[in-house]
PDB file of N, CA and C in Angstrom:
ATOM      1  N   UNK A   1       0.827  -1.135  -0.001  1.00  0.00           N
ATOM      2  CA  UNK A   1      -0.013  -0.026   0.048  1.00  0.00           C
ATOM      3  C   UNK A   1       0.935   1.262   0.010  1.00  0.00           C
ATOM      4  N   UNK A   2       0.423   2.243  -0.688  1.00  0.00           N
ATOM      5  CA  UNK A   2       1.234   3.535  -0.703  1.00  0.00           C
ATOM      6  C   UNK A   2       1.172   4.143   0.664  1.00  0.00           C
ATOM      7  N   UNK A   3       2.336   4.694   1.064  1.00  0.00           N
ATOM      8  CA  UNK A   3       2.413   5.332   2.391  1.00  0.00           C
ATOM      9  C   UNK A   3       3.009   6.772   2.187  1.00  0.00           C
ATOM     10  N   UNK A   4       2.418   7.650   2.826  1.00  0.00           N
ATOM     11  CA  UNK A   4       2.898   9.036   2.890  1.00  0.00           C
ATOM     12  C   UNK A   4       3.418   9.284   4.267  1.00  0.00           C
ATOM     13  N   UNK A   5       4.636   9.810   4.312  1.00  0.00           N
ATOM     14  CA  UNK A   5       5.275  10.142   5.637  1.00  0.00           C
ATOM     15  C   UNK A   5       5.572  11.651   5.538  1.00  0.00           C
ATOM     16  N   UNK A   6       5.068  12.347   6.559  1.00  0.00           N
ATOM     17  CA  UNK A   6       5.369  13.768   6.687  1.00  0.00           C
ATOM     18  C   UNK A   6       5.875  14.094   8.073  1.00  0.00           C
ATOM     19  N   UNK A   7       6.737  15.062   8.220  1.00  0.00           N
ATOM     20  CA  UNK A   7       7.280  15.368   9.497  1.00  0.00           C
ATOM     21  C   UNK A   7       7.621  16.871   9.584  1.00  0.00           C
ATOM     22  N   UNK A   8       7.545  17.340  10.777  1.00  0.00           N
ATOM     23  CA  UNK A   8       7.935  18.698  11.091  1.00  0.00           C
ATOM     24  C   UNK A   8       8.825  18.650  12.350  1.00  0.00           C
ATOM     25  N   UNK A   9      10.162  18.778  12.020  1.00  0.00           N
ATOM     26  CA  UNK A   9      11.172  18.600  13.094  1.00  0.00           C
ATOM     27  C   UNK A   9      12.148  19.757  12.993  1.00  0.00           C
ATOM     28  N   UNK A  10      12.232  20.618  14.028  1.00  0.00           N
ATOM     29  CA  UNK A  10      13.140  21.711  13.993  1.00  0.00           C
ATOM     30  C   UNK A  10      14.655  21.417  13.973  1.00  0.00           C
ATOM     31  N   UNK A  11      15.050  20.240  14.515  1.00  0.00           N
ATOM     32  CA  UNK A  11      16.481  19.950  14.587  1.00  0.00           C
ATOM     33  C   UNK A  11      16.954  19.342  13.258  1.00  0.00           C
ATOM     34  N   UNK A  12      17.941  20.020  12.598  1.00  0.00           N
ATOM     35  CA  UNK A  12      18.461  19.595  11.314  1.00  0.00           C
ATOM     36  C   UNK A  12      19.039  18.174  11.343  1.00  0.00           C
ATOM     37  N   UNK A  13      19.731  17.836  12.378  1.00  0.00           N
ATOM     38  CA  UNK A  13      20.372  16.466  12.469  1.00  0.00           C
ATOM     39  C   UNK A  13      19.320  15.419  12.476  1.00  0.00           C
ATOM     40  N   UNK A  14      18.291  15.596  13.297  1.00  0.00           N
ATOM     41  CA  UNK A  14      17.161  14.587  13.442  1.00  0.00           C
ATOM     42  C   UNK A  14      16.409  14.577  12.106  1.00  0.00           C
ATOM     43  N   UNK A  15      16.145  15.715  11.537  1.00  0.00           N
ATOM     44  CA  UNK A  15      15.396  15.779  10.277  1.00  0.00           C
ATOM     45  C   UNK A  15      16.202  15.037   9.189  1.00  0.00           C
ATOM     46  N   UNK A  16      17.486  15.157   9.145  1.00  0.00           N
ATOM     47  CA  UNK A  16      18.289  14.355   8.181  1.00  0.00           C
ATOM     48  C   UNK A  16      18.182  12.879   8.400  1.00  0.00           C
ATOM     49  N   UNK A  17      18.193  12.498   9.643  1.00  0.00           N
ATOM     50  CA  UNK A  17      18.048  11.044  10.018  1.00  0.00           C
ATOM     51  C   UNK A  17      16.725  10.531   9.499  1.00  0.00           C
ATOM     52  N   UNK A  18      15.632  11.354   9.689  1.00  0.00           N
ATOM     53  CA  UNK A  18      14.334  10.931   9.234  1.00  0.00           C
ATOM     54  C   UNK A  18      14.277  10.675   7.741  1.00  0.00           C
ATOM     55  N   UNK A  19      14.910  11.663   6.997  1.00  0.00           N
ATOM     56  CA  UNK A  19      14.992  11.473   5.538  1.00  0.00           C
ATOM     57  C   UNK A  19      15.726  10.239   5.119  1.00  0.00           C
ATOM     58  N   UNK A  20      16.865  10.036   5.793  1.00  0.00           N
ATOM     59  CA  UNK A  20      17.654   8.796   5.523  1.00  0.00           C
ATOM     60  C   UNK A  20      16.809   7.504   5.788  1.00  0.00           C
ATOM     61  N   UNK A  21      16.130   7.469   6.898  1.00  0.00           N
ATOM     62  CA  UNK A  21      15.309   6.331   7.208  1.00  0.00           C
ATOM     63  C   UNK A  21      14.203   6.161   6.051  1.00  0.00           C
ATOM     64  N   UNK A  22      13.574   7.184   5.710  1.00  0.00           N
ATOM     65  CA  UNK A  22      12.509   7.076   4.635  1.00  0.00           C
ATOM     66  C   UNK A  22      13.127   6.537   3.361  1.00  0.00           C
ATOM     67  N   UNK A  23      14.272   7.068   2.973  1.00  0.00           N
ATOM     68  CA  UNK A  23      14.974   6.615   1.728  1.00  0.00           C
ATOM     69  C   UNK A  23      15.431   5.124   1.882  1.00  0.00           C
ATOM     70  N   UNK A  24      15.855   4.746   3.089  1.00  0.00           N
ATOM     71  CA  UNK A  24      16.234   3.353   3.255  1.00  0.00           C
ATOM     72  C   UNK A  24      15.041   2.404   3.042  1.00  0.00           C
ATOM     73  N   UNK A  25      13.867   2.899   3.261  1.00  0.00           N
ATOM     74  CA  UNK A  25      12.652   2.059   3.048  1.00  0.00           C
ATOM     75  C   UNK A  25      12.096   2.231   1.644  1.00  0.00           C
ATOM     76  N   UNK A  26      12.851   2.886   0.781  1.00  0.00           N
ATOM     77  CA  UNK A  26      12.428   3.006  -0.632  1.00  0.00           C
ATOM     78  C   UNK A  26      11.472   4.062  -0.896  1.00  0.00           C
ATOM     79  N   UNK A  27      11.255   4.997   0.064  1.00  0.00           N
ATOM     80  CA  UNK A  27      10.274   6.092  -0.163  1.00  0.00           C
ATOM     81  C   UNK A  27      10.995   7.183  -0.972  1.00  0.00           C
ATOM     82  N   UNK A  28      10.200   7.958  -1.695  1.00  0.00           N
ATOM     83  CA  UNK A  28      10.735   9.002  -2.530  1.00  0.00           C
ATOM     84  C   UNK A  28      10.298  10.345  -2.043  1.00  0.00           C
ATOM     85  N   UNK A  29      11.245  11.296  -1.903  1.00  0.00           N
ATOM     86  CA  UNK A  29      10.986  12.603  -1.414  1.00  0.00           C
ATOM     87  C   UNK A  29      10.062  13.325  -2.433  1.00  0.00           C
ATOM     88  N   UNK A  30       8.924  13.830  -1.915  1.00  0.00           N
ATOM     89  CA  UNK A  30       8.019  14.586  -2.768  1.00  0.00           C
ATOM     90  C   UNK A  30       7.954  16.086  -2.376  1.00  0.00           C
ATOM     91  N   UNK A  31       8.343  16.363  -1.167  1.00  0.00           N
ATOM     92  CA  UNK A  31       8.539  17.723  -0.618  1.00  0.00           C
ATOM     93  C   UNK A  31       9.708  17.603   0.390  1.00  0.00           C
ATOM     94  N   UNK A  32      10.165  18.772   0.908  1.00  0.00           N
ATOM     95  CA  UNK A  32      11.308  18.704   1.754  1.00  0.00           C
ATOM     96  C   UNK A  32      11.118  17.768   2.946  1.00  0.00           C
ATOM     97  N   UNK A  33       9.958  17.761   3.579  1.00  0.00           N
ATOM     98  CA  UNK A  33       9.738  16.818   4.704  1.00  0.00           C
ATOM     99  C   UNK A  33       8.592  15.909   4.441  1.00  0.00           C
ATOM    100  N   UNK A  34       8.474  15.432   3.242  1.00  0.00           N
ATOM    101  CA  UNK A  34       7.377  14.535   2.857  1.00  0.00           C
ATOM    102  C   UNK A  34       7.917  13.421   1.918  1.00  0.00           C
ATOM    103  N   UNK A  35       7.631  12.185   2.153  1.00  0.00           N
ATOM    104  CA  UNK A  35       8.009  11.062   1.439  1.00  0.00           C
ATOM    105  C   UNK A  35       6.865  10.194   1.021  1.00  0.00           C
ATOM    106  N   UNK A  36       6.945   9.493  -0.112  1.00  0.00           N
ATOM    107  CA  UNK A  36       5.827   8.690  -0.643  1.00  0.00           C
ATOM    108  C   UNK A  36       6.380   7.451  -1.195  1.00  0.00           C
ATOM    109  N   UNK A  37       5.757   6.316  -0.985  1.00  0.00           N
ATOM    110  CA  UNK A  37       6.164   5.031  -1.581  1.00  0.00           C
ATOM    111  C   UNK A  37       5.343   3.862  -1.118  1.00  0.00           C
ATOM    112  N   UNK A  38       5.670   2.663  -1.690  1.00  0.00           N
ATOM    113  CA  UNK A  38       4.975   1.476  -1.392  1.00  0.00           C
ATOM    114  C   UNK A  38       5.593   0.731  -0.124  1.00  0.00           C
ATOM    115  N   UNK A  39       4.712   0.458   0.862  1.00  0.00           N
ATOM    116  CA  UNK A  39       5.195  -0.293   1.998  1.00  0.00           C
ATOM    117  C   UNK A  39       4.066  -1.227   2.443  1.00  0.00           C
ATOM    118  N   UNK A  40       4.391  -2.488   2.677  1.00  0.00           N
ATOM    119  CA  UNK A  40       3.275  -3.338   3.255  1.00  0.00           C
ATOM    120  C   UNK A  40       3.198  -3.023   4.743  1.00  0.00           C
ATOM    121  N   UNK A  41       2.220  -3.651   5.364  1.00  0.00           N
ATOM    122  CA  UNK A  41       1.931  -3.322   6.805  1.00  0.00           C
ATOM    123  C   UNK A  41       3.145  -3.503   7.656  1.00  0.00           C
ATOM    124  N   UNK A  42       3.821  -4.599   7.574  1.00  0.00           N
ATOM    125  CA  UNK A  42       4.981  -4.875   8.393  1.00  0.00           C
ATOM    126  C   UNK A  42       6.096  -3.881   8.227  1.00  0.00           C
ATOM    127  N   UNK A  43       6.445  -3.520   6.943  1.00  0.00           N
ATOM    128  CA  UNK A  43       7.449  -2.476   6.667  1.00  0.00           C
ATOM    129  C   UNK A  43       7.044  -1.158   7.204  1.00  0.00           C
ATOM    130  N   UNK A  44       5.771  -0.807   7.120  1.00  0.00           N
ATOM    131  CA  UNK A  44       5.292   0.473   7.650  1.00  0.00           C
ATOM    132  C   UNK A  44       5.466   0.470   9.146  1.00  0.00           C
ATOM    133  N   UNK A  45       5.130  -0.610   9.845  1.00  0.00           N
ATOM    134  CA  UNK A  45       5.323  -0.657  11.291  1.00  0.00           C
ATOM    135  C   UNK A  45       6.850  -0.585  11.595  1.00  0.00           C
ATOM    136  N   UNK A  46       7.656  -1.211  10.869  1.00  0.00           N
ATOM    137  CA  UNK A  46       9.155  -1.146  11.074  1.00  0.00           C
ATOM    138  C   UNK A  46       9.633   0.270  10.991  1.00  0.00           C
ATOM    139  N   UNK A  47       9.122   0.965   9.896  1.00  0.00           N
ATOM    140  CA  UNK A  47       9.552   2.327   9.706  1.00  0.00           C
ATOM    141  C   UNK A  47       9.049   3.280  10.812  1.00  0.00           C
ATOM    142  N   UNK A  48       7.787   3.064  11.242  1.00  0.00           N
ATOM    143  CA  UNK A  48       7.283   3.841  12.325  1.00  0.00           C
ATOM    144  C   UNK A  48       8.079   3.712  13.546  1.00  0.00           C
ATOM    145  N   UNK A  49       8.520   2.499  13.832  1.00  0.00           N
ATOM    146  CA  UNK A  49       9.310   2.206  14.982  1.00  0.00           C
ATOM    147  C   UNK A  49      10.643   2.973  14.916  1.00  0.00           C
ATOM    148  N   UNK A  50      11.265   2.839  13.701  1.00  0.00           N
ATOM    149  CA  UNK A  50      12.589   3.477  13.497  1.00  0.00           C
ATOM    150  C   UNK A  50      12.466   5.030  13.617  1.00  0.00           C
ATOM    151  N   UNK A  51      11.360   5.592  13.037  1.00  0.00           N
ATOM    152  CA  UNK A  51      11.200   7.034  13.124  1.00  0.00           C
ATOM    153  C   UNK A  51      10.862   7.453  14.534  1.00  0.00           C
ATOM    154  N   UNK A  52      10.042   6.665  15.320  1.00  0.00           N
ATOM    155  CA  UNK A  52       9.807   6.987  16.696  1.00  0.00           C
ATOM    156  C   UNK A  52      11.086   6.968  17.528  1.00  0.00           C
ATOM    157  N   UNK A  53      11.903   5.994  17.233  1.00  0.00           N
ATOM    158  CA  UNK A  53      13.154   5.900  17.941  1.00  0.00           C
ATOM    159  C   UNK A  53      14.134   7.063  17.610  1.00  0.00           C
ATOM    160  N   UNK A  54      14.105   7.431  16.349  1.00  0.00           N
ATOM    161  CA  UNK A  54      14.961   8.492  15.888  1.00  0.00           C
ATOM    162  C   UNK A  54      14.514   9.829  16.536  1.00  0.00           C
ATOM    163  N   UNK A  55      13.212  10.071  16.618  1.00  0.00           N
ATOM    164  CA  UNK A  55      12.741  11.297  17.225  1.00  0.00           C
ATOM    165  C   UNK A  55      12.998  11.329  18.735  1.00  0.00           C
ATOM    166  N   UNK A  56      12.840  10.163  19.334  1.00  0.00           N
ATOM    167  CA  UNK A  56      13.039  10.048  20.834  1.00  0.00           C
ATOM    168  C   UNK A  56      12.286  11.085  21.534  1.00  0.00           C
ATOM    169  N   UNK A  57      12.888  11.756  22.443  1.00  0.00           N
ATOM    170  CA  UNK A  57      12.244  12.773  23.269  1.00  0.00           C
ATOM    171  C   UNK A  57      12.401  14.161  22.661  1.00  0.00           C
ATOM    172  N   UNK A  58      12.928  14.289  21.485  1.00  0.00           N
ATOM    173  CA  UNK A  58      13.069  15.585  20.885  1.00  0.00           C
ATOM    174  C   UNK A  58      11.820  16.158  20.374  1.00  0.00           C
ATOM    175  N   UNK A  59      11.811  17.431  20.137  1.00  0.00           N
ATOM    176  CA  UNK A  59      10.676  18.157  19.632  1.00  0.00           C
ATOM    177  C   UNK A  59      10.353  17.742  18.209  1.00  0.00           C
ATOM    178  N   UNK A  60       9.144  17.583  17.855  1.00  0.00           N
ATOM    179  CA  UNK A  60       8.785  17.283  16.456  1.00  0.00           C
ATOM    180  C   UNK A  60       7.519  16.460  16.364  1.00  0.00           C
ATOM    181  N   UNK A  61       7.109  16.286  15.134  1.00  0.00           N
ATOM    182  CA  UNK A  61       5.881  15.537  14.797  1.00  0.00           C
ATOM    183  C   UNK A  61       6.078  14.779  13.555  1.00  0.00           C
ATOM    184  N   UNK A  62       5.737  13.421  13.634  1.00  0.00           N
ATOM    185  CA  UNK A  62       5.904  12.566  12.405  1.00  0.00           C
ATOM    186  C   UNK A  62       4.558  11.895  12.185  1.00  0.00           C
ATOM    187  N   UNK A  63       4.094  11.858  10.949  1.00  0.00           N
ATOM    188  CA  UNK A  63       2.882  11.181  10.626  1.00  0.00           C
ATOM    189  C   UNK A  63       2.985  10.284   9.440  1.00  0.00           C
ATOM    190  N   UNK A  64       2.441   9.042   9.526  1.00  0.00           N
ATOM    191  CA  UNK A  64       2.463   8.095   8.435  1.00  0.00           C
ATOM    192  C   UNK A  64       1.014   7.858   8.036  1.00  0.00           C
ATOM    193  N   UNK A  65       0.773   7.939   6.694  1.00  0.00           N
ATOM    194  CA  UNK A  65      -0.585   7.778   6.206  1.00  0.00           C
ATOM    195  C   UNK A  65      -0.606   6.637   5.228  1.00  0.00           C
ATOM    196  N   UNK A  66      -1.326   5.524   5.449  1.00  0.00           N
ATOM    197  CA  UNK A  66      -1.496   4.559   4.389  1.00  0.00           C
ATOM    198  C   UNK A  66      -2.623   5.059   3.427  1.00  0.00           C
ATOM    199  N   UNK A  67      -2.334   4.941   2.113  1.00  0.00           N
ATOM    200  CA  UNK A  67      -3.260   5.495   1.190  1.00  0.00           C
ATOM    201  C   UNK A  67      -3.630   4.404   0.166  1.00  0.00           C
ATOM    202  N   UNK A  68      -4.917   4.182  -0.007  1.00  0.00           N
ATOM    203  CA  UNK A  68      -5.362   3.139  -0.884  1.00  0.00           C
ATOM    204  C   UNK A  68      -5.026   3.510  -2.365  1.00  0.00           C
ATOM    205  N   UNK A  69      -5.043   2.497  -3.179  1.00  0.00           N
ATOM    206  CA  UNK A  69      -4.705   2.686  -4.636  1.00  0.00           C
ATOM    207  C   UNK A  69      -5.687   3.661  -5.315  1.00  0.00           C
ATOM    208  N   UNK A  70      -6.964   3.556  -4.999  1.00  0.00           N
ATOM    209  CA  UNK A  70      -7.938   4.422  -5.604  1.00  0.00           C
ATOM    210  C   UNK A  70      -7.657   5.928  -5.326  1.00  0.00           C
ATOM    211  N   UNK A  71      -7.326   6.200  -4.064  1.00  0.00           N
ATOM    212  CA  UNK A  71      -7.028   7.569  -3.691  1.00  0.00           C
ATOM    213  C   UNK A  71      -5.605   8.039  -4.303  1.00  0.00           C
ATOM    214  N   UNK A  72      -4.668   7.189  -4.466  1.00  0.00           N
ATOM    215  CA  UNK A  72      -3.468   7.505  -5.141  1.00  0.00           C
ATOM    216  C   UNK A  72      -3.695   7.934  -6.611  1.00  0.00           C
ATOM    217  N   UNK A  73      -4.598   7.190  -7.187  1.00  0.00           N
ATOM    218  CA  UNK A  73      -4.897   7.406  -8.645  1.00  0.00           C
ATOM    219  C   UNK A  73      -5.621   8.809  -8.835  1.00  0.00           C
ATOM    220  N   UNK A  74      -6.283   9.305  -7.733  1.00  0.00           N
ATOM    221  CA  UNK A  74      -6.961  10.585  -7.769  1.00  0.00           C
ATOM    222  C   UNK A  74      -6.061  11.771  -7.429  1.00  0.00           C
ATOM    223  N   UNK A  75      -4.831  11.478  -7.131  1.00  0.00           N
ATOM    224  CA  UNK A  75      -3.882  12.515  -6.796  1.00  0.00           C
ATOM    225  C   UNK A  75      -3.659  13.525  -7.899  1.00  0.00           C
ATOM    226  N   UNK A  76      -3.599  14.739  -7.535  1.00  0.00           N
ATOM    227  CA  UNK A  76      -3.343  15.849  -8.483  1.00  0.00           C
ATOM    228  C   UNK A  76      -2.062  16.528  -8.069  1.00  0.00           C
ATOM    229  N   UNK A  77      -1.146  16.717  -9.017  1.00  0.00           N
ATOM    230  CA  UNK A  77       0.072  17.421  -8.748  1.00  0.00           C
ATOM    231  C   UNK A  77       0.108  18.637  -9.594  1.00  0.00           C
ATOM    232  N   UNK A  78       0.425  19.740  -8.985  1.00  0.00           N
ATOM    233  CA  UNK A  78       0.491  21.051  -9.706  1.00  0.00           C
ATOM    234  C   UNK A  78       1.936  21.575  -9.530  1.00  0.00           C
ATOM    235  N   UNK A  79       2.611  21.874 -10.608  1.00  0.00           N
ATOM    236  CA  UNK A  79       3.963  22.421 -10.490  1.00  0.00           C
ATOM    237  C   UNK A  79       4.004  23.767 -11.278  1.00  0.00           C
ATOM    238  N   UNK A  80       4.800  24.605 -10.714  1.00  0.00           N
ATOM    239  CA  UNK A  80       5.110  25.886 -11.433  1.00  0.00           C
ATOM    240  C   UNK A  80       6.135  25.657 -12.557  1.00  0.00           C
ATOM    241  N   UNK A  81       6.273  26.644 -13.434  1.00  0.00           N
ATOM    242  CA  UNK A  81       7.166  26.566 -14.659  1.00  0.00           C
ATOM    243  C   UNK A  81       8.620  26.285 -14.190  1.00  0.00           C
ATOM    244  N   UNK A  82       9.084  26.947 -13.201  1.00  0.00           N
ATOM    245  CA  UNK A  82      10.482  26.813 -12.816  1.00  0.00           C
ATOM    246  C   UNK A  82      10.735  25.383 -12.306  1.00  0.00           C
ATOM    247  N   UNK A  83       9.898  24.787 -11.593  1.00  0.00           N
ATOM    248  CA  UNK A  83      10.062  23.476 -11.050  1.00  0.00           C
ATOM    249  C   UNK A  83      10.163  22.498 -12.175  1.00  0.00           C
ATOM    250  N   UNK A  84       9.324  22.575 -13.190  1.00  0.00           N
ATOM    251  CA  UNK A  84       9.368  21.682 -14.341  1.00  0.00           C
ATOM    252  C   UNK A  84      10.697  21.775 -15.086  1.00  0.00           C
ATOM    253  N   UNK A  85      11.137  23.026 -15.252  1.00  0.00           N
ATOM    254  CA  UNK A  85      12.389  23.225 -16.047  1.00  0.00           C
ATOM    255  C   UNK A  85      13.634  22.688 -15.354  1.00  0.00           C
ATOM    256  N   UNK A  86      13.526  22.638 -14.026  1.00  0.00           N
ATOM    257  CA  UNK A  86      14.710  22.175 -13.154  1.00  0.00           C
ATOM    258  C   UNK A  86      14.814  20.677 -13.130  1.00  0.00           C
ATOM    259  N   UNK A  87      13.698  19.919 -13.459  1.00  0.00           N
ATOM    260  CA  UNK A  87      13.680  18.484 -13.380  1.00  0.00           C
ATOM    261  C   UNK A  87      14.684  17.868 -14.344  1.00  0.00           C
ATOM    262  N   UNK A  88      15.430  16.911 -13.924  1.00  0.00           N
ATOM    263  CA  UNK A  88      16.342  16.216 -14.774  1.00  0.00           C
ATOM    264  C   UNK A  88      15.668  14.977 -15.235  1.00  0.00           C
ATOM    265  N   UNK A  89      15.599  14.786 -16.551  1.00  0.00           N
ATOM    266  CA  UNK A  89      14.976  13.587 -17.130  1.00  0.00           C
ATOM    267  C   UNK A  89      16.019  12.410 -17.199  1.00  0.00           C
ATOM    268  N   UNK A  90      15.614  11.195 -16.812  1.00  0.00           N
ATOM    269  CA  UNK A  90      16.461  10.091 -16.828  1.00  0.00           C
ATOM    270  C   UNK A  90      16.892   9.630 -18.254  1.00  0.00           C
TER     271      UNK A  90
END
């Protein structure tokens, strides 16, 4: 199932660790503090545990949202001109 992870963490070091954890689980950054990708229930629970451990007692908020395929298909993405021109095509 598609999973959206978003976080608001003021500490740069912890925020970088959150991003690394999300990438380690195969999620793709869609915004500075937002990642999206496919995770089954067990992998989502593992990631939640890792993110909870990473945040520890520090200030911040982390949210994981499982999103069904139907809702993912209804996703709308709007980009400005500059963002499209900066994209590197594979």
